[in-house]
C-alpha cells in the first residue's frame, strides 16, 4: 500500500498499509479511502457472517456473548443490542486523552484489517469508519484501559463508540464535541452495528502497533542525530577518530555499528580541531568509552530498530480479529490478538533508547569537568564561580536519563488475569507503547543538550576550526538564536530551541547537507 497520487489521500486495500502511510495519516492529516477490491472482499466475508447468523450453530461473536460469557446463546432480535452493549461496556478507558496522532494511527490500522475481508463487517460499516477518519474526526481515547490482549479493546471501543454516534470526539479543528454532532456536521450518520461488527471493530493490536510505527519513524532520526552529537563531542573533547576506521569495525560485523562508525568518520572529516592533536606528540592512547564506543552502542540501537521494524512489517500484514473469516469461508476462533510480538519489541526499543541517552549524557558531563575536558573552563562557564555555565543543563539530562531507565523496565513481563480468568495471560503491549513514547521524546531532549554543549565547546576551541559538518550544526544553533560562550543567561528557552531542531530533523539535515549519513 502506498500514498495515492491524489494529494493527502491514502488508499487502503486488501494488502498492508506502509509505515509511511501510517505517518501520513496519523501525523500529517492525510485522508483515506477504501479501494474497490477491498470493498468486494468485505462484501464476500459478510455473506459468510450473515449465513452463520441464520443457522442454529453457535458462532462466537455472531450468536453468542463474549469472553467469559461466550456460552450464552443470543437470539436474533437482541443481536444488535449485543453489539451496542459490547462497545459501550468496553469503552471504559480513563485518564488523560491519548494523542491525536496515536488515535488516527490505530484507526487507520483497524481500517486496514477490515479491508482484508477477514473480519465479516458490512461494507457500509467499513466505509463509514473510513469516512470518519477522512473527515478528521478523532474519538477521545483515554490513557488507561488496554491490557494488550484481545487486542487494544478499550481504545478501539472508544473509536467504535464514536462510529455509533456516542461518546466524545475532537473534530478536524480540535474542538471537543459529542460524537453524533460531529458526524452530522460532516454529513455522516451513526452506524447501527450488526452481528460480529462490534468485535471486528475492537479486537486488534492497532493501538500498540500504531505507536510502534511512529516510534520507529522518530528513532530513525534520533539515532542518526546521536551520531552527529557524538561526533561533535569527540571533536571538542580532543578525542580520536582512528577507532572508527572501517577495518576495525569490520572485525565485529554488526551492520548498525558499521553504519554509525562510517557516519562518525564522515562527520569528522577535515576537522582542524582533530588535526591539532593528531601528531606523535599526542599522548592520548584511548578515549573514554562514551567516545570510543559510540558506534557499538548506537549501532546496537540501530540493529534493534531494524528488528522491531521487521516485527512491525509482519504485524502490518496481519488480519487480527477473533473470530476471523478464513478464505475458504470458515468462522474460526484464534489467539492472534495477543500482543506479545509487538510488546516485546516496544520494550526492547525503550532499552535501546535509554542506553543511547545514557551515553549521550556521559559525553555532556565530560565537557563540564576540568579534570576530563582537556583545557576547557569549568562547566563551560564564562567566569566559573560567578557563572555556572551549563552545570544545570547536565542535571536536566541526568534527570531524563534516570526516568528513561525506569521506563526501560519491561511491561511485557507483567500479566494480570481478566474476564473471570478466561483471559488469564495478557501482553501489556499498550503500556509498553505508552512508556516508549515518553522515552523517545526524552531521548531527543537529551541529545539536544549534548548538541548545545558540544557546540559551545567547539566555539571555545577557537581559533581551531571544526569539521564542515559539525560546524554546520553549530552554525544552525547560532542562526536560531542559541548563543555561544558568554555570561550566564536564561537557558531554558535555548534548550527548547535545540530540542525543536532535533525533533524536526534540522540538526541531522544540517550535517547531511555537508556529508552523507547512513
Protein backbone atom coordinates (compact mmCIF):
# COMPACT_ATOMS: atom_id res chain seq x y z
CA UNK A 1 0.00 0.00 0.00
CA UNK A 2 1.27 3.46 -0.76
CA UNK A 3 0.31 7.08 -0.86
CA UNK A 4 -2.22 7.75 -3.58
CA UNK A 5 -1.41 10.13 -6.41
CA UNK A 6 -4.28 12.23 -5.09
CA UNK A 7 -2.68 14.62 -2.62
CA UNK A 8 -3.08 13.71 1.06
CA UNK A 9 -5.15 10.58 0.48
CA UNK A 10 -4.06 7.07 1.42
CA UNK A 11 -5.84 4.30 -0.45
CA UNK A 12 -6.49 1.30 1.82
CA UNK A 13 -6.79 -2.05 0.08
CA UNK A 14 -6.55 -5.74 0.81
CA UNK A 15 -2.77 -5.60 1.37
CA UNK A 16 -0.96 -3.89 4.23
CA UNK A 17 -0.59 -0.15 4.62
CA UNK A 18 3.02 1.03 4.81
CA UNK A 19 4.73 2.79 7.71
CA UNK A 20 4.80 5.89 5.51
CA UNK A 21 1.02 5.66 5.15
CA UNK A 22 0.64 5.46 8.93
CA UNK A 23 2.78 8.55 9.49
CA UNK A 24 0.97 10.46 6.73
CA UNK A 25 -2.48 9.77 8.17
CA UNK A 26 -1.57 9.93 11.84
CA UNK A 27 0.81 12.85 11.95
CA UNK A 28 0.12 14.85 8.80
CA UNK A 29 -3.64 14.55 8.46
CA UNK A 30 -3.79 12.62 5.20
CA UNK A 31 -7.24 11.41 4.23
CA UNK A 32 -8.19 7.81 3.47
CA UNK A 33 -10.47 5.80 1.24
CA UNK A 34 -11.10 2.11 0.59
CA UNK A 35 -10.40 0.68 -2.84
CA UNK A 36 -12.90 -1.41 -4.80
CA UNK A 37 -11.07 -4.71 -4.31
CA UNK A 38 -11.22 -4.27 -0.56
CA UNK A 39 -14.93 -3.49 -0.66
CA UNK A 40 -15.56 -6.62 -2.73
CA UNK A 41 -13.65 -8.77 -0.24
CA UNK A 42 -15.50 -7.23 2.68
CA UNK A 43 -18.83 -7.96 1.00
CA UNK A 44 -17.86 -11.60 0.38
CA UNK A 45 -16.92 -12.25 4.01
CA UNK A 46 -20.08 -10.52 5.18
CA UNK A 47 -22.12 -13.11 3.33
CA UNK A 48 -20.44 -15.80 5.45
CA UNK A 49 -21.40 -14.00 8.67
CA UNK A 50 -24.98 -13.49 7.59
CA UNK A 51 -25.30 -17.17 6.70
CA UNK A 52 -23.90 -18.11 10.10
CA UNK A 53 -26.32 -15.74 11.83
CA UNK A 54 -29.21 -17.56 10.19
CA UNK A 55 -28.24 -21.12 11.20
CA UNK A 56 -28.70 -22.92 14.53
CA UNK A 57 -25.00 -23.49 15.32
CA UNK A 58 -23.41 -21.25 17.96
CA UNK A 59 -20.81 -18.91 16.44
CA UNK A 60 -18.70 -16.82 18.82
CA UNK A 61 -19.45 -13.13 18.49
CA UNK A 62 -22.24 -13.75 16.00
CA UNK A 63 -24.82 -15.58 18.08
CA UNK A 64 -23.10 -15.77 21.49
CA UNK A 65 -21.88 -13.49 24.22
CA UNK A 66 -18.22 -12.52 24.62
CA UNK A 67 -15.24 -13.57 26.70
CA UNK A 68 -16.30 -15.49 29.77
CA UNK A 69 -19.94 -15.03 28.64
CA UNK A 70 -19.39 -16.86 25.34
CA UNK A 71 -21.57 -19.80 26.43
CA UNK A 72 -24.78 -17.78 26.25
CA UNK A 73 -26.78 -18.01 23.01
CA UNK A 74 -28.21 -14.67 21.87
CA UNK A 75 -31.49 -14.71 19.97
CA UNK A 76 -31.57 -12.78 16.65
CA UNK A 77 -33.83 -10.00 17.94
CA UNK A 78 -31.21 -8.97 20.52
CA UNK A 79 -28.03 -9.20 18.48
CA UNK A 80 -27.90 -5.51 17.55
CA UNK A 81 -28.22 -4.74 21.24
CA UNK A 82 -25.41 -7.24 21.91
CA UNK A 83 -23.05 -5.28 19.66
CA UNK A 84 -24.04 -1.92 21.15
CA UNK A 85 -23.58 -3.26 24.66
CA UNK A 86 -20.20 -4.70 23.78
CA UNK A 87 -18.88 -1.37 22.52
CA UNK A 88 -20.41 0.71 25.30
CA UNK A 89 -19.11 -1.54 28.07
CA UNK A 90 -15.65 -1.86 26.54
CA UNK A 91 -15.25 1.90 26.05
CA UNK A 92 -14.05 2.01 29.64
CA UNK A 93 -10.82 3.99 29.37
CA UNK A 94 -9.83 6.55 31.94
CA UNK A 95 -7.13 9.16 32.39
CA UNK A 96 -5.67 11.76 30.07
CA UNK A 97 -6.60 11.93 26.39
CA UNK A 98 -4.35 9.95 24.10
CA UNK A 99 -2.58 11.98 21.45
CA UNK A 100 -4.45 12.64 18.20
CA UNK A 101 -1.73 11.00 16.11
CA UNK A 102 -1.99 7.78 18.09
CA UNK A 103 -5.76 7.60 17.69
CA UNK A 104 -5.55 8.27 13.95
CA UNK A 105 -2.85 5.61 13.60
CA UNK A 106 -4.90 2.95 15.39
CA UNK A 107 -8.00 3.84 13.34
CA UNK A 108 -6.08 3.51 10.07
CA UNK A 109 -4.72 0.14 11.14
CA UNK A 110 -8.14 -1.12 12.20
CA UNK A 111 -9.50 0.02 8.83
CA UNK A 112 -6.67 -1.86 7.13
CA UNK A 113 -7.70 -5.05 8.92
CA UNK A 114 -11.34 -4.52 7.95
CA UNK A 115 -10.13 -4.16 4.35
CA UNK A 116 -8.57 -7.63 4.37
CA UNK A 117 -12.03 -9.19 4.21
CA UNK A 118 -11.27 -11.43 7.18
CA UNK A 119 -13.47 -9.68 9.78
CA UNK A 120 -17.01 -10.03 8.43
CA UNK A 121 -18.19 -6.42 8.75
CA UNK A 122 -20.59 -4.92 6.25
CA UNK A 123 -19.06 -2.76 3.50
CA UNK A 124 -21.15 0.17 4.70
CA UNK A 125 -19.61 -0.05 8.17
CA UNK A 126 -16.06 -0.04 6.80
CA UNK A 127 -16.90 2.89 4.51
CA UNK A 128 -18.35 4.85 7.46
CA UNK A 129 -15.23 4.16 9.55
CA UNK A 130 -13.02 5.39 6.70
CA UNK A 131 -15.19 8.48 6.27
CA UNK A 132 -14.91 9.37 9.95
CA UNK A 133 -11.12 9.12 9.74
CA UNK A 134 -11.02 11.01 6.42
CA UNK A 135 -13.08 13.85 7.91
CA UNK A 136 -10.56 14.33 10.73
CA UNK A 137 -12.95 13.21 13.46
CA UNK A 138 -10.80 11.81 16.26
CA UNK A 139 -12.54 9.92 19.07
CA UNK A 140 -11.46 10.76 22.60
CA UNK A 141 -9.42 7.76 23.78
CA UNK A 142 -8.21 7.61 27.38
CA UNK A 143 -4.72 6.64 28.54
CA UNK A 144 -5.61 3.58 30.59
CA UNK A 145 -7.79 0.62 29.68
CA UNK A 146 -5.86 -1.75 27.44
CA UNK A 147 -4.09 -4.87 28.68
CA UNK A 148 -2.84 -5.68 25.18
CA UNK A 149 -4.77 -8.91 24.87
CA UNK A 150 -7.96 -9.41 22.95
CA UNK A 151 -6.18 -6.50 21.37
CA UNK A 152 -6.41 -2.88 22.49
CA UNK A 153 -10.03 -3.32 23.49
CA UNK A 154 -10.79 -0.11 25.34
CA UNK A 155 -9.01 2.31 22.96
CA UNK A 156 -10.63 0.70 19.92
CA UNK A 157 -14.01 0.60 21.65
CA UNK A 158 -13.90 4.38 22.14
CA UNK A 159 -13.45 4.69 18.37
CA UNK A 160 -16.29 2.26 17.66
CA UNK A 161 -18.48 4.18 20.10
CA UNK A 162 -17.94 7.36 18.09
CA UNK A 163 -18.92 5.48 14.92
CA UNK A 164 -22.21 4.69 16.69
CA UNK A 165 -22.69 8.41 17.31
CA UNK A 166 -21.92 8.17 21.02
CA UNK A 167 -19.15 9.46 23.25
CA UNK A 168 -16.86 12.41 22.64
CA UNK A 169 -14.61 13.31 19.71
CA UNK A 170 -12.35 16.08 18.51
CA UNK A 171 -13.25 17.49 15.10
CA UNK A 172 -10.71 18.48 12.47
CA UNK A 173 -10.12 21.81 14.25
CA UNK A 174 -9.54 20.11 17.60
CA UNK A 175 -12.85 21.19 19.12
CA UNK A 176 -14.39 18.77 21.64
CA UNK A 177 -17.89 17.69 20.52
CA UNK A 178 -20.44 14.94 21.13
CA UNK A 179 -19.80 12.28 18.50
CA UNK A 180 -23.28 12.47 16.97
CA UNK A 181 -22.98 16.22 16.50
CA UNK A 182 -19.53 15.91 14.89
CA UNK A 183 -20.73 13.19 12.48
CA UNK A 184 -23.74 15.24 11.46
CA UNK A 185 -21.54 18.29 10.81
CA UNK A 186 -19.68 16.36 8.09
CA UNK A 187 -22.74 14.63 6.67
CA UNK A 188 -22.26 11.21 8.31
CA UNK A 189 -24.90 9.07 10.01
CA UNK A 190 -24.27 6.96 13.12
CA UNK A 191 -23.87 3.26 12.37
CA UNK A 192 -26.12 0.65 13.97
CA UNK A 193 -23.81 -2.33 14.32
CA UNK A 194 -24.91 -5.76 13.12
CA UNK A 195 -23.72 -9.26 14.05
CA UNK A 196 -19.96 -9.60 14.60
CA UNK A 197 -19.23 -5.93 13.88
CA UNK A 198 -18.62 -4.83 17.45
CA UNK A 199 -15.95 -7.48 17.86
CA UNK A 200 -14.40 -6.65 14.49
CA UNK A 201 -14.00 -3.01 15.47
CA UNK A 202 -12.29 -3.61 18.83
CA UNK A 203 -10.30 -6.86 18.58
CA UNK A 204 -6.86 -5.81 17.33
CA UNK A 205 -3.33 -4.77 18.22
CA UNK A 206 -3.74 -1.50 16.34
CA UNK A 207 -3.03 0.87 19.23
CA UNK A 208 0.27 -0.66 20.21
CA UNK A 209 1.23 -1.20 16.55
CA UNK A 210 0.46 2.38 15.58
CA UNK A 211 2.65 3.66 18.39
CA UNK A 212 5.42 1.26 17.36
CA UNK A 213 5.36 2.55 13.78
CA UNK A 214 5.51 6.18 14.95
CA UNK A 215 8.32 5.39 17.39
CA UNK A 216 10.35 3.68 14.67
CA UNK A 217 9.97 6.74 12.46
CA UNK A 218 11.21 9.01 15.25
CA UNK A 219 14.03 6.71 16.34
CA UNK A 220 15.46 6.59 12.81
CA UNK A 221 16.18 10.30 13.05
CA UNK A 222 17.21 10.24 16.70
CA UNK A 223 19.91 7.62 16.21
CA UNK A 224 21.44 9.49 13.27
CA UNK A 225 21.30 12.65 15.40
CA UNK A 226 23.08 10.72 18.16
CA UNK A 227 25.92 10.09 15.68
CA UNK A 228 26.06 13.84 14.94
CA UNK A 229 26.12 14.70 18.65
CA UNK A 230 28.81 12.10 19.35
CA UNK A 231 30.98 13.44 16.53
CA UNK A 232 30.72 16.95 17.92
CA UNK A 233 31.70 15.66 21.35
CA UNK A 234 34.62 13.54 20.14
CA UNK A 235 35.90 16.57 18.26
CA UNK A 236 35.51 19.16 21.01
CA UNK A 237 36.88 16.80 23.70
CA UNK A 238 40.02 16.28 21.60
CA UNK A 239 39.24 12.63 21.03
CA UNK A 240 40.45 10.45 18.18
CA UNK A 241 38.59 9.22 15.14
CA UNK A 242 41.11 6.45 14.45
CA UNK A 243 38.99 3.92 16.33
CA UNK A 244 36.13 4.44 13.87
CA UNK A 245 38.12 3.07 10.91
CA UNK A 246 36.16 0.66 8.76
CA UNK A 247 38.66 -2.19 9.06
CA UNK A 248 38.45 -2.09 12.86
CA UNK A 249 34.67 -2.06 12.78
CA UNK A 250 34.63 -4.99 10.35
CA UNK A 251 36.26 -7.17 12.98
CA UNK A 252 32.86 -7.16 14.68
CA UNK A 253 30.45 -7.28 11.76
CA UNK A 254 27.27 -5.78 13.17
CA UNK A 255 25.64 -3.68 10.41
CA UNK A 256 24.43 -0.91 12.69
CA UNK A 257 27.89 -0.48 14.20
CA UNK A 258 29.44 -0.15 10.77
CA UNK A 259 26.88 2.48 9.75
CA UNK A 260 27.39 4.60 12.88
CA UNK A 261 31.18 4.40 12.62
CA UNK A 262 31.03 5.47 8.97
CA UNK A 263 28.88 8.42 9.98
CA UNK A 264 31.40 9.49 12.62
CA UNK A 265 34.27 9.29 10.12
CA UNK A 266 32.35 11.41 7.61
CA UNK A 267 31.21 13.93 10.19
CA UNK A 268 34.74 14.49 11.50
CA UNK A 269 36.42 14.67 8.09
CA UNK A 270 38.57 17.74 7.67
CA UNK A 271 38.36 18.89 11.28
CA UNK A 272 41.04 21.38 12.25
CA UNK A 273 40.43 20.57 15.89
CA UNK A 274 41.15 16.89 15.25
CA UNK A 275 44.23 17.72 13.19
CA UNK A 276 45.66 19.82 16.00
CA UNK A 277 46.38 16.78 18.15
CA UNK A 278 46.84 14.04 15.58
CA UNK A 279 50.65 14.07 15.61
CA UNK A 280 53.11 11.91 17.58
CA UNK A 281 53.22 14.48 20.39
CA UNK A 282 49.69 13.48 21.43
CA UNK A 283 49.90 11.19 24.47
CA UNK A 284 46.24 10.18 24.43
CA UNK A 285 46.15 6.41 23.94
CA UNK A 286 42.45 5.66 24.36
CA UNK A 287 39.35 7.79 24.79
CA UNK A 288 36.68 7.10 27.38
CA UNK A 289 34.05 4.56 26.44
CA UNK A 290 31.35 7.19 25.85
CA UNK A 291 33.50 8.48 22.97
CA UNK A 292 35.32 5.38 21.75
CA UNK A 293 32.34 3.01 21.90
CA UNK A 294 29.71 5.27 20.37
CA UNK A 295 29.39 3.12 17.21
CA UNK A 296 28.94 -0.01 19.29
CA UNK A 297 26.06 1.46 21.31
CA UNK A 298 24.45 3.50 18.56
CA UNK A 299 24.90 0.54 16.22
CA UNK A 300 23.22 -1.86 18.61
CA UNK A 301 20.31 0.57 18.83
CA UNK A 302 20.14 0.69 15.02
CA UNK A 303 20.02 -3.10 14.83
CA UNK A 304 17.32 -3.18 17.49
CA UNK A 305 15.28 -0.73 15.42
CA UNK A 306 15.69 -2.97 12.37
CA UNK A 307 14.47 -6.00 14.32
CA UNK A 308 11.48 -4.03 15.56
CA UNK A 309 10.81 -2.84 12.00
CA UNK A 310 10.67 -6.47 10.85
CA UNK A 311 8.09 -7.27 13.54
CA UNK A 312 6.08 -4.17 12.66
CA UNK A 313 6.08 -5.17 9.00
CA UNK A 314 4.69 -8.59 9.83
CA UNK A 315 2.01 -7.09 12.05
CA UNK A 316 1.05 -4.55 9.37
CA UNK A 317 0.40 -7.51 7.07
CA UNK A 318 -1.73 -9.31 9.68
CA UNK A 319 -5.52 -9.61 9.90
CA UNK A 320 -6.05 -9.56 13.66
CA UNK A 321 -9.58 -10.35 14.81
CA UNK A 322 -11.42 -13.06 16.73
CA UNK A 323 -13.16 -14.89 15.24
CA UNK A 324 -11.90 -14.49 11.67
CA UNK A 325 -13.46 -15.38 8.35
CA UNK A 326 -11.00 -17.67 6.58
CA UNK A 327 -10.54 -17.54 2.80
CA UNK A 328 -12.45 -20.83 2.47
CA UNK A 329 -15.43 -19.43 4.38
CA UNK A 330 -14.97 -20.79 7.92
CA UNK A 331 -15.59 -18.72 11.03
CA UNK A 332 -12.76 -19.61 13.38
CA UNK A 333 -11.71 -18.51 16.84
CA UNK A 334 -7.99 -17.86 17.34
CA UNK A 335 -5.42 -16.15 19.56
CA UNK A 336 -3.87 -13.75 17.08
CA UNK A 337 -4.99 -10.75 19.12
CA UNK A 338 -2.34 -11.43 21.77
CA UNK A 339 0.08 -8.51 21.70
CA UNK A 340 3.28 -10.33 22.74
CA UNK A 341 5.21 -9.93 19.44
CA UNK A 342 4.62 -6.18 19.42
CA UNK A 343 5.00 -5.74 23.17
CA UNK A 344 8.43 -7.35 23.24
CA UNK A 345 9.93 -5.03 20.65
CA UNK A 346 8.29 -1.97 22.22
CA UNK A 347 10.10 -2.88 25.43
CA UNK A 348 13.32 -3.63 23.57
CA UNK A 349 13.26 -0.19 21.92
CA UNK A 350 12.83 1.50 25.29
CA UNK A 351 16.00 -0.25 26.47
CA UNK A 352 17.93 0.89 23.39
CA UNK A 353 16.67 4.48 23.68
CA UNK A 354 17.66 4.64 27.34
CA UNK A 355 21.17 3.39 26.58
CA UNK A 356 21.77 5.85 23.74
CA UNK A 357 20.58 8.65 26.02
CA UNK A 358 22.74 7.42 28.89
CA UNK A 359 25.87 7.53 26.72
CA UNK A 360 24.94 10.99 25.43
CA UNK A 361 24.58 12.34 28.97
CA UNK A 362 28.00 10.94 29.89
CA UNK A 363 29.59 12.82 26.99
CA UNK A 364 27.81 16.01 28.08
CA UNK A 365 29.11 15.57 31.61
CA UNK A 366 32.72 15.20 30.43
CA UNK A 367 32.63 18.69 28.94
CA UNK A 368 31.86 20.25 32.31
CA UNK A 369 34.64 18.71 34.41
CA UNK A 370 38.08 20.35 34.20
CA UNK A 371 39.69 17.02 35.09
CA UNK A 372 38.33 15.48 31.89
CA UNK A 373 37.61 18.23 29.35
CA UNK A 374 41.22 18.94 28.29
CA UNK A 375 41.59 22.62 28.88
CA UNK A 376 38.04 23.94 28.73
CA UNK A 377 36.66 26.14 31.55
CA UNK A 378 34.70 24.53 34.35
CA UNK A 379 31.10 23.91 33.25
CA UNK A 380 31.96 25.80 30.05
CA UNK A 381 31.23 28.92 32.08
CA UNK A 382 32.38 32.39 31.07
CA UNK A 383 33.64 33.20 34.58
CA UNK A 384 33.45 29.98 36.66
CA UNK A 385 32.29 30.75 40.17
CA UNK A 386 30.36 33.81 39.07
CA UNK A 387 28.81 31.90 36.18
CA UNK A 388 27.51 28.32 36.39
CA UNK A 389 27.60 27.75 32.64
CA UNK A 390 25.91 24.50 31.61
CA UNK A 391 26.03 22.87 35.04
CA UNK A 392 22.28 22.53 35.39
CA UNK A 393 21.71 21.55 31.78
CA UNK A 394 23.58 18.35 32.66
CA UNK A 395 21.28 17.90 35.69
CA UNK A 396 18.34 18.15 33.32
CA UNK A 397 19.81 15.49 31.05
CA UNK A 398 20.60 13.27 34.02
CA UNK A 399 17.03 13.54 35.29
CA UNK A 400 15.62 12.49 31.93
CA UNK A 401 18.07 9.62 31.58
CA UNK A 402 17.16 8.38 35.05
CA UNK A 403 13.50 8.38 34.08
CA UNK A 404 14.28 6.62 30.82
CA UNK A 405 16.00 3.86 32.75
CA UNK A 406 12.81 3.37 34.77
CA UNK A 407 10.80 3.39 31.54
CA UNK A 408 13.09 0.66 30.19
CA UNK A 409 11.76 -1.83 32.74
CA UNK A 410 9.73 -4.22 30.55
CA UNK A 411 5.96 -4.05 30.64
CA UNK A 412 5.60 -7.27 28.66
CA UNK A 413 6.81 -9.49 31.51
CA UNK A 414 3.77 -8.49 33.55
CA UNK A 415 0.32 -10.04 33.30
CA UNK A 416 -2.87 -9.58 35.32
CA UNK A 417 -5.67 -12.06 34.56
CA UNK A 418 -9.04 -10.67 33.50
CA UNK A 419 -12.52 -11.70 32.33
CA UNK A 420 -13.09 -14.23 35.12
CA UNK A 421 -9.79 -15.96 34.26
CA UNK A 422 -10.79 -16.53 30.62
CA UNK A 423 -8.15 -14.01 29.62
CA UNK A 424 -5.56 -15.30 32.07
CA UNK A 425 -2.41 -14.05 30.32
CA UNK A 426 -2.09 -10.61 28.73
CA UNK A 427 0.71 -8.78 26.95
CA UNK A 428 0.63 -5.26 28.45
CA UNK A 429 1.66 -4.08 24.98
CA UNK A 430 -0.32 -0.85 25.22
CA UNK A 431 1.59 0.06 28.40
CA UNK A 432 4.87 -0.78 26.65
CA UNK A 433 3.89 1.58 23.82
CA UNK A 434 2.90 4.40 26.14
CA UNK A 435 6.19 4.36 28.02
CA UNK A 436 8.18 4.08 24.79
CA UNK A 437 6.58 7.29 23.51
CA UNK A 438 7.75 9.11 26.64
CA UNK A 439 11.22 7.61 26.28
CA UNK A 440 11.57 8.58 22.61
CA UNK A 441 10.55 12.13 23.48
CA UNK A 442 13.15 12.30 26.26
CA UNK A 443 15.89 10.89 24.02
CA UNK A 444 15.56 13.82 21.65
CA UNK A 445 15.91 16.29 24.51
CA UNK A 446 18.94 14.54 25.99
CA UNK A 447 20.62 14.64 22.58
CA UNK A 448 19.70 18.32 22.27
CA UNK A 449 21.56 19.10 25.48
CA UNK A 450 24.64 17.30 24.18
CA UNK A 451 24.47 19.18 20.87
CA UNK A 452 24.14 22.53 22.66
CA UNK A 453 27.03 21.69 24.99
CA UNK A 454 29.31 20.40 22.25
CA UNK A 455 28.59 23.45 20.08
CA UNK A 456 29.70 25.75 22.89
CA UNK A 457 32.86 23.67 23.42
CA UNK A 458 33.65 23.82 19.70
CA UNK A 459 33.48 27.60 19.91
CA UNK A 460 35.81 27.53 22.92
CA UNK A 461 38.41 25.65 20.84
CA UNK A 462 38.77 28.66 18.51
CA UNK A 463 40.83 29.55 16.55
CA UNK A 464 40.89 25.83 15.73
CA UNK A 465 38.18 25.12 13.15
CA UNK A 466 35.68 22.26 13.39
CA UNK A 467 34.83 19.87 10.60
CA UNK A 468 32.48 21.25 7.97
CA UNK A 469 29.59 19.06 9.12
CA UNK A 470 29.91 19.70 12.85
CA UNK A 471 30.49 23.37 12.15
CA UNK A 472 27.26 23.45 10.13
CA UNK A 473 25.34 22.16 13.14
CA UNK A 474 26.98 24.77 15.38
CA UNK A 475 26.03 27.45 12.85
CA UNK A 476 22.44 26.18 12.77
CA UNK A 477 22.14 26.75 16.50
CA UNK A 478 23.59 30.23 16.26
CA UNK A 479 21.24 31.08 13.39
CA UNK A 480 18.31 30.18 15.65
CA UNK A 481 19.43 32.45 18.45
CA UNK A 482 21.22 29.91 20.63
CA UNK A 483 24.25 31.83 21.90
CA UNK A 484 27.82 30.61 22.14
CA UNK A 485 30.19 31.20 25.06
CA UNK A 486 29.38 34.16 27.28
CA UNK A 487 27.92 35.18 30.63
CA UNK A 488 25.05 33.18 32.03
CA UNK A 489 21.63 33.78 30.52
CA UNK A 490 18.22 32.15 30.91
CA UNK A 491 18.98 28.73 29.50
CA UNK A 492 15.60 27.00 29.25
CA UNK A 493 14.41 28.72 26.04
CA UNK A 494 17.65 27.75 24.30
CA UNK A 495 17.24 24.13 25.38
CA UNK A 496 13.75 24.19 23.91
CA UNK A 497 15.02 25.67 20.66
CA UNK A 498 17.64 22.97 20.22
CA UNK A 499 15.14 20.27 21.22
CA UNK A 500 12.84 21.52 18.45
CA UNK A 501 15.71 21.48 15.96
CA UNK A 502 16.49 17.88 16.90
CA UNK A 503 12.85 16.78 16.78
CA UNK A 504 12.25 18.41 13.40
CA UNK A 505 15.31 16.72 11.89
CA UNK A 506 17.04 20.06 11.32
CA UNK A 507 20.20 19.07 13.22
CA UNK A 508 20.61 15.90 11.18
CA UNK A 509 19.78 17.79 7.97
CA UNK A 510 22.42 20.45 8.64
CA UNK A 511 25.10 17.77 8.85
CA UNK A 512 23.66 15.78 5.94
CA UNK A 513 23.89 18.79 3.65
CA UNK A 514 27.66 18.60 4.07
CA UNK A 515 28.40 14.87 4.28
CA UNK A 516 26.43 11.67 3.59
CA UNK A 517 24.86 9.95 6.59
CA UNK A 518 23.66 6.36 6.85
